[in-house]
Amino acid sequence: MTISLPDERPFAARMKPAHKWLMWLGITASADVVSYVWLDRPIALWAHEHLHRYDLFAKLTYIPEIISPVVILAFAAIGLWALSGRALSKFQTVAVLAAASLAVAAGVKDQLKLVFGRTWPETWVRDNPSFIRDGVYGFNPFHGGPGFAAFPSGHTTAICAVISVLWICYPRYPVLYGICMAAVALGLVGADFHFLGDVIAGAFLGVSTGWLTVVLWERGQHHLRTAMTPDFPGKSDRDLAPDFHYLVPRKAKEVGPVN
C-alpha cells in the first residue's frame, strides 16, 4: 500500500529529505540554546507565580495519556485482523504506523533523558531537585534517575509521534493537528511540568519519528517475506525465501497445515 504524501513547496521539493531533517535539527538545537539561556527560567517563574491556580494546564497534559492507549489497542486489534488473512485499509495501515512511531519515539526519548540528565522546573516526583524549590538548573549527562529526566518532554514526544503520522497521511486537518500538539505543549509549560526547551526537543523527536516511520514504509520492501506459510496461503513452495525453507517441513507443505 502506498500512502500519498502532501504536495511540497518548490523550495522544499529541491531539498533532499536528509537535508531537511538536518536543517530542522539545527533549528531545534538553536531554539533550545536560546530557550535554555534566556527563556526557560523566566517562563518557569512566571508560570509558577501566575498559572498554578488553574487546573486547565495540567488537564491538557492528559491528551497523550488518552491517545497512546487508544493507538496501542488499535495496533493489537489490527494485528488480529491481519492474522485472519484480511488486507489492511489505508486507515488501518496508518494506525499501525502511528503505533510504531509511538513505540520507537518512547524508546529514543528514554535514552535521551539519560544522556542529557536535565532537572525539572518544579519538585513533583520523588522529592526531585528543581529550579523553583532548590535553584537547581542545568544538564547532568548520564546522571540517571527520575529527578534528572526532564529533557526531552515525553508527553510532547508521544503526541507529536502520533499526530505527525496522521498529518502526513491525512493532511486535510492541519488546524486540528496543530491544536492537539499546541494544547499539550501549553499545558506542560503552563503547569511547570517542563521547561520550554524540553517541549521543543520533544516536538522535534516526535515529528522526526513519525516522518521517518512513514518514509521507511514508503521506501521499504513492504512484503518482507516472500515465503507464504500455511497460515498465509497464496504462494507456491518455489517462492519460499531461503531462510524459511527449513521452517516448513516438506510433508507439512504437501498436506497443508498441521495442528
Protein backbone atom coordinates (compact mmCIF):
# COMPACT_ATOMS: atom_id res chain seq x y z
CA MET A 1 0.00 0.00 0.00
CA THR A 2 1.27 3.46 -0.91
CA ILE A 3 0.45 6.41 1.32
CA SER A 4 0.20 9.66 -0.61
CA LEU A 5 2.37 12.41 0.81
CA PRO A 6 1.17 16.01 0.61
CA ASP A 7 2.48 18.23 -2.16
CA GLU A 8 5.62 20.09 -1.24
CA ARG A 9 6.51 23.68 -1.98
CA PRO A 10 9.05 24.28 -4.77
CA PHE A 11 11.88 25.25 -2.43
CA ALA A 12 11.27 22.30 -0.11
CA ALA A 13 10.97 19.96 -3.07
CA ARG A 14 14.51 20.82 -4.17
CA MET A 15 15.89 19.74 -0.79
CA LYS A 16 16.61 16.12 -0.07
CA PRO A 17 14.76 14.69 2.94
CA ALA A 18 18.03 14.17 4.82
CA HIS A 19 18.94 17.83 4.26
CA LYS A 20 15.52 18.92 5.52
CA TRP A 21 15.93 16.84 8.66
CA LEU A 22 19.40 18.24 9.31
CA MET A 23 18.11 21.76 8.77
CA TRP A 24 15.35 21.25 11.32
CA LEU A 25 17.80 19.61 13.70
CA GLY A 26 19.91 22.76 13.53
CA ILE A 27 16.87 24.98 14.03
CA THR A 28 15.75 22.90 17.00
CA ALA A 29 19.20 22.91 18.60
CA SER A 30 19.43 26.69 18.15
CA ALA A 31 15.96 27.19 19.60
CA ASP A 32 16.85 25.02 22.59
CA VAL A 33 20.02 27.00 23.25
CA VAL A 34 18.08 30.27 23.13
CA SER A 35 15.41 28.80 25.37
CA TYR A 36 17.95 27.46 27.88
CA VAL A 37 19.86 30.74 28.16
CA TRP A 38 17.06 33.31 28.02
CA LEU A 39 13.57 31.79 28.22
CA ASP A 40 13.26 28.67 30.37
CA ARG A 41 13.84 30.24 33.77
CA PRO A 42 11.67 33.36 33.40
CA ILE A 43 8.82 31.34 31.89
CA ALA A 44 9.00 28.77 34.70
CA LEU A 45 8.95 31.53 37.34
CA TRP A 46 6.05 33.31 35.66
CA ALA A 47 4.04 30.08 35.32
CA HIS A 48 4.69 29.25 38.98
CA GLU A 49 3.53 32.67 40.12
CA HIS A 50 0.54 33.23 37.86
CA LEU A 51 -0.76 29.93 36.48
CA HIS A 52 -0.71 27.45 39.35
CA ARG A 53 -4.22 28.38 40.37
CA TYR A 54 -5.61 27.00 37.10
CA ASP A 55 -6.18 23.26 36.69
CA LEU A 56 -6.66 23.59 32.94
CA PHE A 57 -2.95 23.39 32.14
CA ALA A 58 -2.48 20.11 33.99
CA LYS A 59 -5.59 18.67 32.33
CA LEU A 60 -4.24 19.50 28.87
CA THR A 61 -1.32 17.17 29.53
CA TYR A 62 -3.75 14.22 29.73
CA ILE A 63 -4.24 14.25 25.95
CA PRO A 64 -1.25 11.96 25.20
CA GLU A 65 -2.27 9.68 28.05
CA ILE A 66 -5.62 9.17 26.32
CA ILE A 67 -4.33 8.88 22.75
CA SER A 68 -1.45 6.49 23.49
CA PRO A 69 -3.58 3.62 24.88
CA VAL A 70 -6.06 4.06 22.02
CA VAL A 71 -3.24 3.72 19.47
CA ILE A 72 -1.84 0.64 21.22
CA LEU A 73 -5.26 -1.05 21.40
CA ALA A 74 -5.80 -0.24 17.73
CA PHE A 75 -2.46 -1.86 16.91
CA ALA A 76 -3.48 -5.04 18.73
CA ALA A 77 -6.89 -5.16 17.06
CA ILE A 78 -5.45 -4.54 13.60
CA GLY A 79 -2.80 -7.19 14.22
CA LEU A 80 -5.52 -9.76 14.91
CA TRP A 81 -7.32 -8.56 11.79
CA ALA A 82 -4.16 -9.14 9.72
CA LEU A 83 -3.58 -12.58 11.26
CA SER A 84 -7.01 -13.59 9.99
CA GLY A 85 -5.69 -13.11 6.45
CA ARG A 86 -7.53 -9.87 5.69
CA ALA A 87 -5.98 -6.95 3.85
CA LEU A 88 -5.44 -3.66 5.65
CA SER A 89 -7.12 -0.45 4.59
CA LYS A 90 -5.19 2.80 4.42
CA PHE A 91 -6.63 3.88 7.76
CA GLN A 92 -5.57 0.63 9.41
CA THR A 93 -2.08 0.91 7.94
CA VAL A 94 -1.78 4.49 9.19
CA ALA A 95 -2.87 3.37 12.67
CA VAL A 96 -0.15 0.70 12.68
CA LEU A 97 2.44 3.26 11.58
CA ALA A 98 1.29 5.63 14.32
CA ALA A 99 1.71 2.86 16.89
CA ALA A 100 5.18 2.05 15.55
CA SER A 101 6.14 5.71 15.66
CA LEU A 102 4.91 6.00 19.25
CA ALA A 103 6.86 2.92 20.37
CA VAL A 104 10.12 4.00 18.71
CA ALA A 105 9.79 7.57 19.96
CA ALA A 106 9.24 6.35 23.52
CA GLY A 107 12.39 4.24 23.41
CA VAL A 108 14.53 7.01 21.95
CA LYS A 109 13.11 9.52 24.42
CA ASP A 110 14.09 7.37 27.39
CA GLN A 111 17.66 7.10 26.16
CA LEU A 112 17.92 10.84 25.54
CA LYS A 113 16.62 11.58 29.03
CA LEU A 114 19.51 9.53 30.40
CA VAL A 115 22.03 11.19 28.09
CA PHE A 116 21.03 14.76 28.97
CA GLY A 117 20.02 14.35 32.63
CA ARG A 118 18.17 17.64 32.93
CA THR A 119 16.46 18.64 36.17
CA TRP A 120 12.81 19.72 36.37
CA PRO A 121 11.22 23.14 36.81
CA GLU A 122 9.39 22.08 39.99
CA THR A 123 9.55 19.36 42.61
CA TRP A 124 6.85 16.83 41.88
CA VAL A 125 8.44 13.37 41.56
CA ARG A 126 10.25 11.61 44.44
CA ASP A 127 11.38 14.88 46.02
CA ASN A 128 13.37 15.71 42.89
CA PRO A 129 15.70 18.72 42.89
CA SER A 130 14.13 21.55 40.93
CA PHE A 131 14.64 25.09 39.76
CA ILE A 132 11.71 26.59 41.68
CA ARG A 133 12.40 24.96 45.06
CA ASP A 134 16.17 24.50 45.04
CA GLY A 135 17.50 26.79 42.34
CA VAL A 136 18.91 23.75 40.54
CA TYR A 137 19.10 24.32 36.80
CA GLY A 138 21.07 22.54 34.14
CA PHE A 139 22.07 19.30 32.49
CA ASN A 140 23.77 16.39 34.22
CA PRO A 141 24.72 13.93 31.47
CA PHE A 142 24.20 10.24 32.32
CA HIS A 143 23.17 11.00 35.89
CA GLY A 144 20.10 8.79 35.70
CA GLY A 145 17.04 8.73 37.91
CA PRO A 146 13.57 10.29 37.62
CA GLY A 147 14.79 13.58 39.06
CA PHE A 148 17.07 14.09 36.07
CA ALA A 149 14.77 13.22 33.19
CA ALA A 150 13.11 16.44 32.03
CA PHE A 151 14.70 16.64 28.58
CA PRO A 152 13.12 15.91 26.15
CA SER A 153 9.46 16.04 27.14
CA GLY A 154 7.91 12.60 26.93
CA HIS A 155 4.33 13.86 26.60
CA THR A 156 5.27 16.14 23.72
CA THR A 157 7.21 13.35 22.08
CA ALA A 158 4.24 10.98 22.30
CA ILE A 159 1.61 13.36 20.92
CA CYS A 160 3.86 14.51 18.08
CA ALA A 161 4.89 10.95 17.19
CA VAL A 162 1.25 10.02 16.61
CA ILE A 163 -0.08 13.29 15.18
CA SER A 164 2.80 13.66 12.71
CA VAL A 165 1.90 10.33 11.08
CA LEU A 166 -1.74 11.41 10.81
CA TRP A 167 -0.71 14.81 9.46
CA ILE A 168 1.46 13.28 6.72
CA CYS A 169 -1.12 10.70 5.66
CA TYR A 170 -4.26 12.80 6.13
CA PRO A 171 -3.09 16.38 5.57
CA ARG A 172 -6.56 17.92 5.31
CA TYR A 173 -6.85 18.66 9.03
CA PRO A 174 -3.79 20.78 9.94
CA VAL A 175 -5.73 23.02 12.32
CA LEU A 176 -6.94 20.07 14.39
CA TYR A 177 -3.46 18.54 14.49
CA GLY A 178 -1.87 21.85 15.43
CA ILE A 179 -4.39 22.43 18.23
CA CYS A 180 -3.71 19.00 19.73
CA MET A 181 0.06 19.45 19.79
CA ALA A 182 -0.08 23.09 20.93
CA ALA A 183 -2.52 22.24 23.73
CA VAL A 184 -0.17 19.62 25.17
CA ALA A 185 2.83 21.94 24.91
CA LEU A 186 0.92 24.79 26.54
CA GLY A 187 -0.26 22.53 29.33
CA LEU A 188 3.23 21.21 30.10
CA VAL A 189 4.81 24.66 30.22
CA GLY A 190 1.85 26.33 31.95
CA ALA A 191 1.72 23.68 34.69
CA ASP A 192 5.51 23.91 35.14
CA PHE A 193 5.86 20.24 34.31
CA HIS A 194 8.53 21.06 31.72
CA PHE A 195 10.74 23.88 30.56
CA LEU A 196 10.02 25.31 27.13
CA GLY A 197 13.25 23.78 25.79
CA ASP A 198 12.10 20.31 26.85
CA VAL A 199 8.93 20.73 24.83
CA ILE A 200 10.79 21.99 21.76
CA ALA A 201 13.09 18.97 21.82
CA GLY A 202 10.20 16.56 22.39
CA ALA A 203 8.29 18.01 19.45
CA PHE A 204 11.27 17.57 17.14
CA LEU A 205 11.81 13.99 18.31
CA GLY A 206 8.17 13.04 17.89
CA VAL A 207 7.79 14.63 14.47
CA SER A 208 11.09 13.10 13.31
CA THR A 209 9.98 9.65 14.39
CA GLY A 210 6.62 9.96 12.67
CA TRP A 211 8.19 11.26 9.48
CA LEU A 212 10.83 8.53 9.41
CA THR A 213 8.25 5.84 10.09
CA VAL A 214 6.19 6.85 7.06
CA VAL A 215 9.27 7.30 4.86
CA LEU A 216 10.61 3.87 5.81
CA TRP A 217 7.25 2.32 4.97
CA GLU A 218 7.14 4.12 1.63
CA ARG A 219 10.74 3.34 0.69
CA GLY A 220 10.97 -0.15 2.14
CA GLN A 221 10.02 -3.54 0.75
CA HIS A 222 6.51 -3.96 2.13
CA HIS A 223 6.42 -7.75 1.83
CA LEU A 224 9.45 -8.71 3.88
CA ARG A 225 8.71 -12.42 3.50
CA THR A 226 8.34 -13.95 0.07
CA ALA A 227 7.58 -17.17 1.93
CA MET A 228 3.87 -17.79 2.44
CA THR A 229 3.44 -20.28 5.25
CA PRO A 230 0.30 -22.42 5.62
CA ASP A 231 -1.16 -19.66 7.81
CA PHE A 232 -0.83 -17.21 4.90
CA PRO A 233 -1.58 -19.15 1.71
CA GLY A 234 -1.10 -17.70 -1.73
CA LYS A 235 2.47 -18.56 -2.83
CA SER A 236 3.94 -21.81 -4.08
CA ASP A 237 6.83 -23.69 -2.49
CA ARG A 238 9.18 -22.27 -5.10
CA ASP A 239 8.51 -18.80 -3.74
CA LEU A 240 9.71 -19.64 -0.26
CA ALA A 241 12.62 -17.46 0.81
CA PRO A 242 15.78 -19.50 1.54
CA ASP A 243 15.74 -18.52 5.20
CA PHE A 244 12.30 -20.04 5.65
CA HIS A 245 12.75 -23.38 3.82
CA TYR A 246 13.91 -25.22 6.90
CA LEU A 247 10.98 -23.91 8.96
CA VAL A 248 8.36 -25.66 6.80
CA PRO A 249 8.82 -29.44 6.53
CA ARG A 250 8.22 -30.86 3.05
CA LYS A 251 5.42 -33.15 4.20
CA ALA A 252 3.66 -30.32 6.01
CA LYS A 253 3.82 -28.20 2.87
CA GLU A 254 2.35 -31.02 0.81
CA VAL A 255 -0.57 -31.86 3.06
CA GLY A 256 -1.35 -28.41 4.42
CA PRO A 257 -1.48 -27.04 7.97
CA VAL A 258 -0.63 -29.38 10.81
CA ASN A 259 -2.38 -28.55 14.09
